[in-house]
């Protein structure tokens, strides 16, 4: 499985994007003793929280965090928001 980006929508309207690293994915599988159809949804949210927690973006515990969000979805790389403007190509002129 590849590294994935997850967009979290909080109840207050703010959004965050987080990369679910291979380490967080493995830690989630270890926490649940594997991912199954019965725990797939909870594991998805746990993976998202764990990724945010490990990155220092979320201090709340898992259950408190769950109460504060409306959604957490895996996003396609084409949907990612890049806050930087692309650099001009050599030879591009602003004249």
PDB file of N, CA and C in Angstrom:
ATOM      1  N   UNK A   1       0.855  -1.175   0.000  1.00  0.00           N
ATOM      2  CA  UNK A   1       0.000   0.000   0.000  1.00  0.00           C
ATOM      3  C   UNK A   1       0.897   1.234   0.000  1.00  0.00           C
ATOM      4  N   UNK A   2       0.535   2.201  -0.726  1.00  0.00           N
ATOM      5  CA  UNK A   2       1.317   3.425  -0.852  1.00  0.00           C
ATOM      6  C   UNK A   2       0.965   4.411   0.254  1.00  0.00           C
ATOM      7  N   UNK A   3       1.819   5.382   0.409  1.00  0.00           N
ATOM      8  CA  UNK A   3       1.530   6.472   1.319  1.00  0.00           C
ATOM      9  C   UNK A   3       0.282   7.189   0.799  1.00  0.00           C
ATOM     10  N   UNK A   4      -0.611   7.565   1.700  1.00  0.00           N
ATOM     11  CA  UNK A   4      -1.847   8.228   1.280  1.00  0.00           C
ATOM     12  C   UNK A   4      -2.015   9.550   2.009  1.00  0.00           C
ATOM     13  N   UNK A   5      -2.770  10.442   1.396  1.00  0.00           N
ATOM     14  CA  UNK A   5      -3.098  11.719   2.005  1.00  0.00           C
ATOM     15  C   UNK A   5      -4.568  11.686   2.401  1.00  0.00           C
ATOM     16  N   UNK A   6      -4.836  12.167   3.614  1.00  0.00           N
ATOM     17  CA  UNK A   6      -6.198  12.167   4.143  1.00  0.00           C
ATOM     18  C   UNK A   6      -6.578  13.605   4.483  1.00  0.00           C
ATOM     19  N   UNK A   7      -7.767  13.999   4.043  1.00  0.00           N
ATOM     20  CA  UNK A   7      -8.302  15.326   4.376  1.00  0.00           C
ATOM     21  C   UNK A   7      -9.305  15.163   5.517  1.00  0.00           C
ATOM     22  N   UNK A   8      -9.077  15.920   6.580  1.00  0.00           N
ATOM     23  CA  UNK A   8      -9.946  15.902   7.749  1.00  0.00           C
ATOM     24  C   UNK A   8     -10.765  17.190   7.770  1.00  0.00           C
ATOM     25  N   UNK A   9     -12.075  17.043   7.932  1.00  0.00           N
ATOM     26  CA  UNK A   9     -12.960  18.192   8.052  1.00  0.00           C
ATOM     27  C   UNK A   9     -13.468  18.209   9.492  1.00  0.00           C
ATOM     28  N   UNK A  10     -13.135  19.287  10.196  1.00  0.00           N
ATOM     29  CA  UNK A  10     -13.561  19.442  11.584  1.00  0.00           C
ATOM     30  C   UNK A  10     -14.970  20.034  11.639  1.00  0.00           C
ATOM     31  N   UNK A  11     -15.637  19.826  12.744  1.00  0.00           N
ATOM     32  CA  UNK A  11     -16.989  20.337  12.943  1.00  0.00           C
ATOM     33  C   UNK A  11     -17.042  21.855  12.887  1.00  0.00           C
ATOM     34  N   UNK A  12     -15.926  22.516  13.209  1.00  0.00           N
ATOM     35  CA  UNK A  12     -15.900  23.983  13.164  1.00  0.00           C
ATOM     36  C   UNK A  12     -15.612  24.520  11.761  1.00  0.00           C
ATOM     37  N   UNK A  13     -15.493  23.623  10.768  1.00  0.00           N
ATOM     38  CA  UNK A  13     -15.307  24.025   9.379  1.00  0.00           C
ATOM     39  C   UNK A  13     -13.876  24.025   8.873  1.00  0.00           C
ATOM     40  N   UNK A  14     -12.894  23.988   9.763  1.00  0.00           N
ATOM     41  CA  UNK A  14     -11.515  23.978   9.280  1.00  0.00           C
ATOM     42  C   UNK A  14     -11.177  22.606   8.703  1.00  0.00           C
ATOM     43  N   UNK A  15     -10.185  22.588   7.831  1.00  0.00           N
ATOM     44  CA  UNK A  15      -9.722  21.330   7.245  1.00  0.00           C
ATOM     45  C   UNK A  15      -8.223  21.198   7.448  1.00  0.00           C
ATOM     46  N   UNK A  16      -7.770  19.977   7.497  1.00  0.00           N
ATOM     47  CA  UNK A  16      -6.355  19.634   7.592  1.00  0.00           C
ATOM     48  C   UNK A  16      -6.097  18.494   6.627  1.00  0.00           C
ATOM     49  N   UNK A  17      -4.921  18.486   6.040  1.00  0.00           N
ATOM     50  CA  UNK A  17      -4.486  17.334   5.252  1.00  0.00           C
ATOM     51  C   UNK A  17      -3.298  16.722   5.960  1.00  0.00           C
ATOM     52  N   UNK A  18      -3.284  15.412   5.999  1.00  0.00           N
ATOM     53  CA  UNK A  18      -2.210  14.683   6.673  1.00  0.00           C
ATOM     54  C   UNK A  18      -1.800  13.500   5.814  1.00  0.00           C
ATOM     55  N   UNK A  19      -0.517  13.211   5.829  1.00  0.00           N
ATOM     56  CA  UNK A  19      -0.018  12.035   5.126  1.00  0.00           C
ATOM     57  C   UNK A  19      -0.004  10.873   6.107  1.00  0.00           C
ATOM     58  N   UNK A  20      -0.651   9.790   5.722  1.00  0.00           N
ATOM     59  CA  UNK A  20      -0.635   8.567   6.521  1.00  0.00           C
ATOM     60  C   UNK A  20       0.574   7.757   6.068  1.00  0.00           C
ATOM     61  N   UNK A  21       1.607   7.843   6.842  1.00  0.00           N
ATOM     62  CA  UNK A  21       2.866   7.191   6.480  1.00  0.00           C
ATOM     63  C   UNK A  21       2.777   5.673   6.633  1.00  0.00           C
ATOM     64  N   UNK A  22       3.711   4.967   6.024  1.00  0.00           N
ATOM     65  CA  UNK A  22       3.745   3.513   6.217  1.00  0.00           C
ATOM     66  C   UNK A  22       3.834   3.139   7.698  1.00  0.00           C
ATOM     67  N   UNK A  23       4.596   3.903   8.499  1.00  0.00           N
ATOM     68  CA  UNK A  23       4.724   3.631   9.934  1.00  0.00           C
ATOM     69  C   UNK A  23       3.359   3.704  10.614  1.00  0.00           C
ATOM     70  N   UNK A  24       2.585   4.747  10.329  1.00  0.00           N
ATOM     71  CA  UNK A  24       1.259   4.892  10.937  1.00  0.00           C
ATOM     72  C   UNK A  24       0.326   3.774  10.467  1.00  0.00           C
ATOM     73  N   UNK A  25       0.441   3.367   9.209  1.00  0.00           N
ATOM     74  CA  UNK A  25      -0.389   2.284   8.693  1.00  0.00           C
ATOM     75  C   UNK A  25      -0.086   0.980   9.426  1.00  0.00           C
ATOM     76  N   UNK A  26       1.188   0.690   9.611  1.00  0.00           N
ATOM     77  CA  UNK A  26       1.578  -0.544  10.306  1.00  0.00           C
ATOM     78  C   UNK A  26       1.164  -0.486  11.776  1.00  0.00           C
ATOM     79  N   UNK A  27       1.369   0.658  12.405  1.00  0.00           N
ATOM     80  CA  UNK A  27       0.969   0.801  13.814  1.00  0.00           C
ATOM     81  C   UNK A  27      -0.534   0.598  13.986  1.00  0.00           C
ATOM     82  N   UNK A  28      -1.329   1.052  13.024  1.00  0.00           N
ATOM     83  CA  UNK A  28      -2.775   0.858  13.080  1.00  0.00           C
ATOM     84  C   UNK A  28      -3.110  -0.622  12.968  1.00  0.00           C
ATOM     85  N   UNK A  29      -2.476  -1.316  12.034  1.00  0.00           N
ATOM     86  CA  UNK A  29      -2.712  -2.761  11.908  1.00  0.00           C
ATOM     87  C   UNK A  29      -2.315  -3.496  13.180  1.00  0.00           C
ATOM     88  N   UNK A  30      -1.203  -3.104  13.779  1.00  0.00           N
ATOM     89  CA  UNK A  30      -0.761  -3.742  15.024  1.00  0.00           C
ATOM     90  C   UNK A  30      -1.754  -3.470  16.159  1.00  0.00           C
ATOM     91  N   UNK A  31      -2.268  -2.243  16.220  1.00  0.00           N
ATOM     92  CA  UNK A  31      -3.224  -1.862  17.262  1.00  0.00           C
ATOM     93  C   UNK A  31      -4.491  -2.719  17.190  1.00  0.00           C
ATOM     94  N   UNK A  32      -4.957  -2.992  15.982  1.00  0.00           N
ATOM     95  CA  UNK A  32      -6.196  -3.755  15.793  1.00  0.00           C
ATOM     96  C   UNK A  32      -5.962  -5.241  15.555  1.00  0.00           C
ATOM     97  N   UNK A  33      -4.720  -5.676  15.521  1.00  0.00           N
ATOM     98  CA  UNK A  33      -4.452  -7.088  15.231  1.00  0.00           C
ATOM     99  C   UNK A  33      -4.832  -7.435  13.807  1.00  0.00           C
ATOM    100  N   UNK A  34      -4.712  -6.461  12.910  1.00  0.00           N
ATOM    101  CA  UNK A  34      -5.088  -6.625  11.505  1.00  0.00           C
ATOM    102  C   UNK A  34      -6.344  -5.836  11.202  1.00  0.00           C
ATOM    103  N   UNK A  35      -6.549  -5.566   9.933  1.00  0.00           N
ATOM    104  CA  UNK A  35      -7.729  -4.820   9.496  1.00  0.00           C
ATOM    105  C   UNK A  35      -8.707  -5.801   8.869  1.00  0.00           C
ATOM    106  N   UNK A  36      -9.954  -5.749   9.308  1.00  0.00           N
ATOM    107  CA  UNK A  36     -10.989  -6.641   8.794  1.00  0.00           C
ATOM    108  C   UNK A  36     -12.208  -5.811   8.410  1.00  0.00           C
ATOM    109  N   UNK A  37     -13.157  -6.425   7.708  1.00  0.00           N
ATOM    110  CA  UNK A  37     -14.384  -5.686   7.381  1.00  0.00           C
ATOM    111  C   UNK A  37     -15.107  -5.168   8.632  1.00  0.00           C
ATOM    112  N   UNK A  38     -14.952  -5.847   9.754  1.00  0.00           N
ATOM    113  CA  UNK A  38     -15.630  -5.441  10.981  1.00  0.00           C
ATOM    114  C   UNK A  38     -15.011  -4.190  11.622  1.00  0.00           C
ATOM    115  N   UNK A  39     -13.726  -3.962  11.402  1.00  0.00           N
ATOM    116  CA  UNK A  39     -13.099  -2.807  12.044  1.00  0.00           C
ATOM    117  C   UNK A  39     -12.514  -1.807  11.037  1.00  0.00           C
ATOM    118  N   UNK A  40     -12.862  -1.965   9.783  1.00  0.00           N
ATOM    119  CA  UNK A  40     -12.278  -1.130   8.733  1.00  0.00           C
ATOM    120  C   UNK A  40     -12.535   0.363   8.952  1.00  0.00           C
ATOM    121  N   UNK A  41     -13.752   0.742   9.283  1.00  0.00           N
ATOM    122  CA  UNK A  41     -14.088   2.151   9.472  1.00  0.00           C
ATOM    123  C   UNK A  41     -13.356   2.729  10.681  1.00  0.00           C
ATOM    124  N   UNK A  42     -13.413   2.030  11.804  1.00  0.00           N
ATOM    125  CA  UNK A  42     -12.716   2.510  13.000  1.00  0.00           C
ATOM    126  C   UNK A  42     -11.215   2.594  12.752  1.00  0.00           C
ATOM    127  N   UNK A  43     -10.654   1.617  12.050  1.00  0.00           N
ATOM    128  CA  UNK A  43      -9.226   1.629  11.748  1.00  0.00           C
ATOM    129  C   UNK A  43      -8.856   2.811  10.856  1.00  0.00           C
ATOM    130  N   UNK A  44      -9.723   3.162   9.919  1.00  0.00           N
ATOM    131  CA  UNK A  44      -9.477   4.324   9.056  1.00  0.00           C
ATOM    132  C   UNK A  44      -9.371   5.593   9.898  1.00  0.00           C
ATOM    133  N   UNK A  45     -10.323   5.792  10.797  1.00  0.00           N
ATOM    134  CA  UNK A  45     -10.296   6.981  11.645  1.00  0.00           C
ATOM    135  C   UNK A  45      -9.108   6.935  12.606  1.00  0.00           C
ATOM    136  N   UNK A  46      -8.797   5.763  13.117  1.00  0.00           N
ATOM    137  CA  UNK A  46      -7.645   5.642  14.018  1.00  0.00           C
ATOM    138  C   UNK A  46      -6.356   5.979  13.269  1.00  0.00           C
ATOM    139  N   UNK A  47      -6.213   5.478  12.050  1.00  0.00           N
ATOM    140  CA  UNK A  47      -5.041   5.789  11.228  1.00  0.00           C
ATOM    141  C   UNK A  47      -4.914   7.294  11.014  1.00  0.00           C
ATOM    142  N   UNK A  48      -6.034   7.944  10.735  1.00  0.00           N
ATOM    143  CA  UNK A  48      -6.020   9.391  10.520  1.00  0.00           C
ATOM    144  C   UNK A  48      -5.596  10.109  11.796  1.00  0.00           C
ATOM    145  N   UNK A  49      -6.223   9.765  12.921  1.00  0.00           N
ATOM    146  CA  UNK A  49      -5.871  10.389  14.201  1.00  0.00           C
ATOM    147  C   UNK A  49      -4.415  10.132  14.547  1.00  0.00           C
ATOM    148  N   UNK A  50      -3.974   8.897  14.405  1.00  0.00           N
ATOM    149  CA  UNK A  50      -2.594   8.548  14.748  1.00  0.00           C
ATOM    150  C   UNK A  50      -1.599   9.342  13.902  1.00  0.00           C
ATOM    151  N   UNK A  51      -1.893   9.483  12.631  1.00  0.00           N
ATOM    152  CA  UNK A  51      -1.018  10.261  11.749  1.00  0.00           C
ATOM    153  C   UNK A  51      -0.948  11.715  12.201  1.00  0.00           C
ATOM    154  N   UNK A  52      -2.094  12.285  12.554  1.00  0.00           N
ATOM    155  CA  UNK A  52      -2.123  13.671  13.009  1.00  0.00           C
ATOM    156  C   UNK A  52      -1.433  13.810  14.366  1.00  0.00           C
ATOM    157  N   UNK A  53      -1.677  12.865  15.241  1.00  0.00           N
ATOM    158  CA  UNK A  53      -1.085  12.889  16.574  1.00  0.00           C
ATOM    159  C   UNK A  53       0.442  12.792  16.496  1.00  0.00           C
ATOM    160  N   UNK A  54       0.936  11.856  15.685  1.00  0.00           N
ATOM    161  CA  UNK A  54       2.387  11.678  15.540  1.00  0.00           C
ATOM    162  C   UNK A  54       3.044  12.890  14.888  1.00  0.00           C
ATOM    163  N   UNK A  55       2.303  13.613  14.042  1.00  0.00           N
ATOM    164  CA  UNK A  55       2.843  14.800  13.381  1.00  0.00           C
ATOM    165  C   UNK A  55       2.732  16.054  14.257  1.00  0.00           C
ATOM    166  N   UNK A  56       2.153  15.914  15.446  1.00  0.00           N
ATOM    167  CA  UNK A  56       2.000  17.052  16.344  1.00  0.00           C
ATOM    168  C   UNK A  56       0.859  17.978  15.973  1.00  0.00           C
ATOM    169  N   UNK A  57      -0.064  17.498  15.139  1.00  0.00           N
ATOM    170  CA  UNK A  57      -1.193  18.327  14.711  1.00  0.00           C
ATOM    171  C   UNK A  57      -2.451  18.073  15.533  1.00  0.00           C
ATOM    172  N   UNK A  58      -2.425  17.083  16.422  1.00  0.00           N
ATOM    173  CA  UNK A  58      -3.612  16.759  17.213  1.00  0.00           C
ATOM    174  C   UNK A  58      -3.191  16.280  18.596  1.00  0.00           C
ATOM    175  N   UNK A  59      -3.590  17.043  19.621  1.00  0.00           N
ATOM    176  CA  UNK A  59      -3.232  16.689  20.998  1.00  0.00           C
ATOM    177  C   UNK A  59      -4.321  15.870  21.687  1.00  0.00           C
ATOM    178  N   UNK A  60      -5.557  15.993  21.214  1.00  0.00           N
ATOM    179  CA  UNK A  60      -6.676  15.289  21.853  1.00  0.00           C
ATOM    180  C   UNK A  60      -6.522  13.779  21.712  1.00  0.00           C
ATOM    181  N   UNK A  61      -7.126  13.049  22.664  1.00  0.00           N
ATOM    182  CA  UNK A  61      -7.110  11.597  22.531  1.00  0.00           C
ATOM    183  C   UNK A  61      -8.064  11.188  21.404  1.00  0.00           C
ATOM    184  N   UNK A  62      -8.014   9.930  21.023  1.00  0.00           N
ATOM    185  CA  UNK A  62      -8.763   9.436  19.870  1.00  0.00           C
ATOM    186  C   UNK A  62     -10.255   9.732  19.978  1.00  0.00           C
ATOM    187  N   UNK A  63     -10.874   9.403  21.118  1.00  0.00           N
ATOM    188  CA  UNK A  63     -12.323   9.589  21.248  1.00  0.00           C
ATOM    189  C   UNK A  63     -12.718  11.056  21.219  1.00  0.00           C
ATOM    190  N   UNK A  64     -11.959  11.913  21.864  1.00  0.00           N
ATOM    191  CA  UNK A  64     -12.257  13.352  21.833  1.00  0.00           C
ATOM    192  C   UNK A  64     -12.107  13.885  20.411  1.00  0.00           C
ATOM    193  N   UNK A  65     -11.087  13.428  19.706  1.00  0.00           N
ATOM    194  CA  UNK A  65     -10.880  13.847  18.320  1.00  0.00           C
ATOM    195  C   UNK A  65     -12.061  13.424  17.449  1.00  0.00           C
ATOM    196  N   UNK A  66     -12.527  12.187  17.623  1.00  0.00           N
ATOM    197  CA  UNK A  66     -13.677  11.706  16.845  1.00  0.00           C
ATOM    198  C   UNK A  66     -14.893  12.603  17.035  1.00  0.00           C
ATOM    199  N   UNK A  67     -15.087  13.109  18.238  1.00  0.00           N
ATOM    200  CA  UNK A  67     -16.215  13.995  18.518  1.00  0.00           C
ATOM    201  C   UNK A  67     -16.062  15.346  17.823  1.00  0.00           C
ATOM    202  N   UNK A  68     -14.838  15.699  17.416  1.00  0.00           N
ATOM    203  CA  UNK A  68     -14.585  17.033  16.860  1.00  0.00           C
ATOM    204  C   UNK A  68     -14.560  17.079  15.339  1.00  0.00           C
ATOM    205  N   UNK A  69     -14.736  15.936  14.671  1.00  0.00           N
ATOM    206  CA  UNK A  69     -14.639  15.921  13.204  1.00  0.00           C
ATOM    207  C   UNK A  69     -15.974  15.570  12.555  1.00  0.00           C
ATOM    208  N   UNK A  70     -16.103  16.008  11.297  1.00  0.00           N
ATOM    209  CA  UNK A  70     -17.266  15.637  10.481  1.00  0.00           C
ATOM    210  C   UNK A  70     -16.912  14.579   9.453  1.00  0.00           C
ATOM    211  N   UNK A  71     -15.650  14.572   8.996  1.00  0.00           N
ATOM    212  CA  UNK A  71     -15.256  13.637   7.942  1.00  0.00           C
ATOM    213  C   UNK A  71     -13.745  13.493   7.901  1.00  0.00           C
ATOM    214  N   UNK A  72     -13.306  12.386   7.369  1.00  0.00           N
ATOM    215  CA  UNK A  72     -11.896  12.131   7.082  1.00  0.00           C
ATOM    216  C   UNK A  72     -11.878  11.230   5.861  1.00  0.00           C
ATOM    217  N   UNK A  73     -11.378  11.767   4.744  1.00  0.00           N
ATOM    218  CA  UNK A  73     -11.415  10.996   3.507  1.00  0.00           C
ATOM    219  C   UNK A  73     -10.044  10.961   2.847  1.00  0.00           C
ATOM    220  N   UNK A  74      -9.738   9.819   2.255  1.00  0.00           N
ATOM    221  CA  UNK A  74      -8.519   9.695   1.469  1.00  0.00           C
ATOM    222  C   UNK A  74      -8.729  10.501   0.204  1.00  0.00           C
ATOM    223  N   UNK A  75      -7.741  11.324  -0.128  1.00  0.00           N
ATOM    224  CA  UNK A  75      -7.883  12.153  -1.327  1.00  0.00           C
ATOM    225  C   UNK A  75      -6.875  11.740  -2.383  1.00  0.00           C
ATOM    226  N   UNK A  76      -7.294  11.914  -3.594  1.00  0.00           N
ATOM    227  CA  UNK A  76      -6.460  11.662  -4.761  1.00  0.00           C
ATOM    228  C   UNK A  76      -5.401  12.750  -4.828  1.00  0.00           C
ATOM    229  N   UNK A  77      -4.205  12.400  -5.228  1.00  0.00           N
ATOM    230  CA  UNK A  77      -3.127  13.382  -5.334  1.00  0.00           C
ATOM    231  C   UNK A  77      -3.511  14.560  -6.205  1.00  0.00           C
ATOM    232  N   UNK A  78      -4.361  14.364  -7.192  1.00  0.00           N
ATOM    233  CA  UNK A  78      -4.779  15.450  -8.077  1.00  0.00           C
ATOM    234  C   UNK A  78      -5.627  16.479  -7.329  1.00  0.00           C
ATOM    235  N   UNK A  79      -6.231  16.083  -6.195  1.00  0.00           N
ATOM    236  CA  UNK A  79      -7.075  16.974  -5.416  1.00  0.00           C
ATOM    237  C   UNK A  79      -6.309  17.767  -4.369  1.00  0.00           C
ATOM    238  N   UNK A  80      -5.070  17.392  -4.117  1.00  0.00           N
ATOM    239  CA  UNK A  80      -4.295  18.052  -3.063  1.00  0.00           C
ATOM    240  C   UNK A  80      -4.148  19.528  -3.335  1.00  0.00           C
ATOM    241  N   UNK A  81      -4.214  20.294  -2.279  1.00  0.00           N
ATOM    242  CA  UNK A  81      -4.039  21.739  -2.369  1.00  0.00           C
ATOM    243  C   UNK A  81      -2.569  22.046  -2.148  1.00  0.00           C
ATOM    244  N   UNK A  82      -1.954  22.722  -3.129  1.00  0.00           N
ATOM    245  CA  UNK A  82      -0.559  23.120  -3.004  1.00  0.00           C
ATOM    246  C   UNK A  82      -0.536  24.607  -2.695  1.00  0.00           C
ATOM    247  N   UNK A  83      -0.083  24.983  -1.485  1.00  0.00           N
ATOM    248  CA  UNK A  83      -0.128  26.396  -1.111  1.00  0.00           C
ATOM    249  C   UNK A  83       0.919  27.261  -1.800  1.00  0.00           C
ATOM    250  N   UNK A  84       1.826  26.653  -2.529  1.00  0.00           N
ATOM    251  CA  UNK A  84       2.869  27.430  -3.204  1.00  0.00           C
ATOM    252  C   UNK A  84       2.548  27.593  -4.675  1.00  0.00           C
ATOM    253  N   UNK A  85       2.906  28.723  -5.208  1.00  0.00           N
ATOM    254  CA  UNK A  85       2.748  28.973  -6.636  1.00  0.00           C
ATOM    255  C   UNK A  85       3.882  28.275  -7.371  1.00  0.00           C
ATOM    256  N   UNK A  86       3.637  27.738  -8.566  1.00  0.00           N
ATOM    257  CA  UNK A  86       4.719  27.125  -9.307  1.00  0.00           C
ATOM    258  C   UNK A  86       5.754  28.195  -9.703  1.00  0.00           C
ATOM    259  N   UNK A  87       7.019  27.784  -9.676  1.00  0.00           N
ATOM    260  CA  UNK A  87       8.085  28.687 -10.064  1.00  0.00           C
ATOM    261  C   UNK A  87       8.025  28.923 -11.559  1.00  0.00           C
ATOM    262  N   UNK A  88       8.380  30.126 -12.012  1.00  0.00           N
ATOM    263  CA  UNK A  88       8.388  30.375 -13.452  1.00  0.00           C
ATOM    264  C   UNK A  88       9.459  29.525 -14.131  1.00  0.00           C
ATOM    265  N   UNK A  89       9.153  29.103 -15.334  1.00  0.00           N
ATOM    266  CA  UNK A  89      10.113  28.319 -16.099  1.00  0.00           C
ATOM    267  C   UNK A  89      11.203  29.244 -16.618  1.00  0.00           C
ATOM    268  N   UNK A  90      12.433  28.725 -16.756  1.00  0.00           N
ATOM    269  CA  UNK A  90      13.481  29.557 -17.344  1.00  0.00           C
ATOM    270  C   UNK A  90      13.041  30.025 -18.740  1.00  0.00           C
ATOM    271  N   UNK A  91      13.249  31.276 -19.023  1.00  0.00           N
ATOM    272  CA  UNK A  91      12.834  31.803 -20.312  1.00  0.00           C
ATOM    273  C   UNK A  91      11.473  32.455 -20.284  1.00  0.00           C
ATOM    274  N   UNK A  92      10.689  32.184 -19.202  1.00  0.00           N
ATOM    275  CA  UNK A  92       9.399  32.878 -19.070  1.00  0.00           C
ATOM    276  C   UNK A  92       9.686  34.337 -18.747  1.00  0.00           C
ATOM    277  N   UNK A  93       8.931  35.181 -19.314  1.00  0.00           N
ATOM    278  CA  UNK A  93       9.136  36.611 -19.103  1.00  0.00           C
ATOM    279  C   UNK A  93       7.876  37.215 -18.536  1.00  0.00           C
ATOM    280  N   UNK A  94       8.036  38.137 -17.605  1.00  0.00           N
ATOM    281  CA  UNK A  94       6.876  38.826 -17.063  1.00  0.00           C
ATOM    282  C   UNK A  94       6.651  40.142 -17.774  1.00  0.00           C
ATOM    283  N   UNK A  95       7.412  40.396 -18.831  1.00  0.00           N
ATOM    284  CA  UNK A  95       7.269  41.652 -19.599  1.00  0.00           C
ATOM    285  C   UNK A  95       6.073  41.598 -20.501  1.00  0.00           C
TER     286      UNK A  95
END
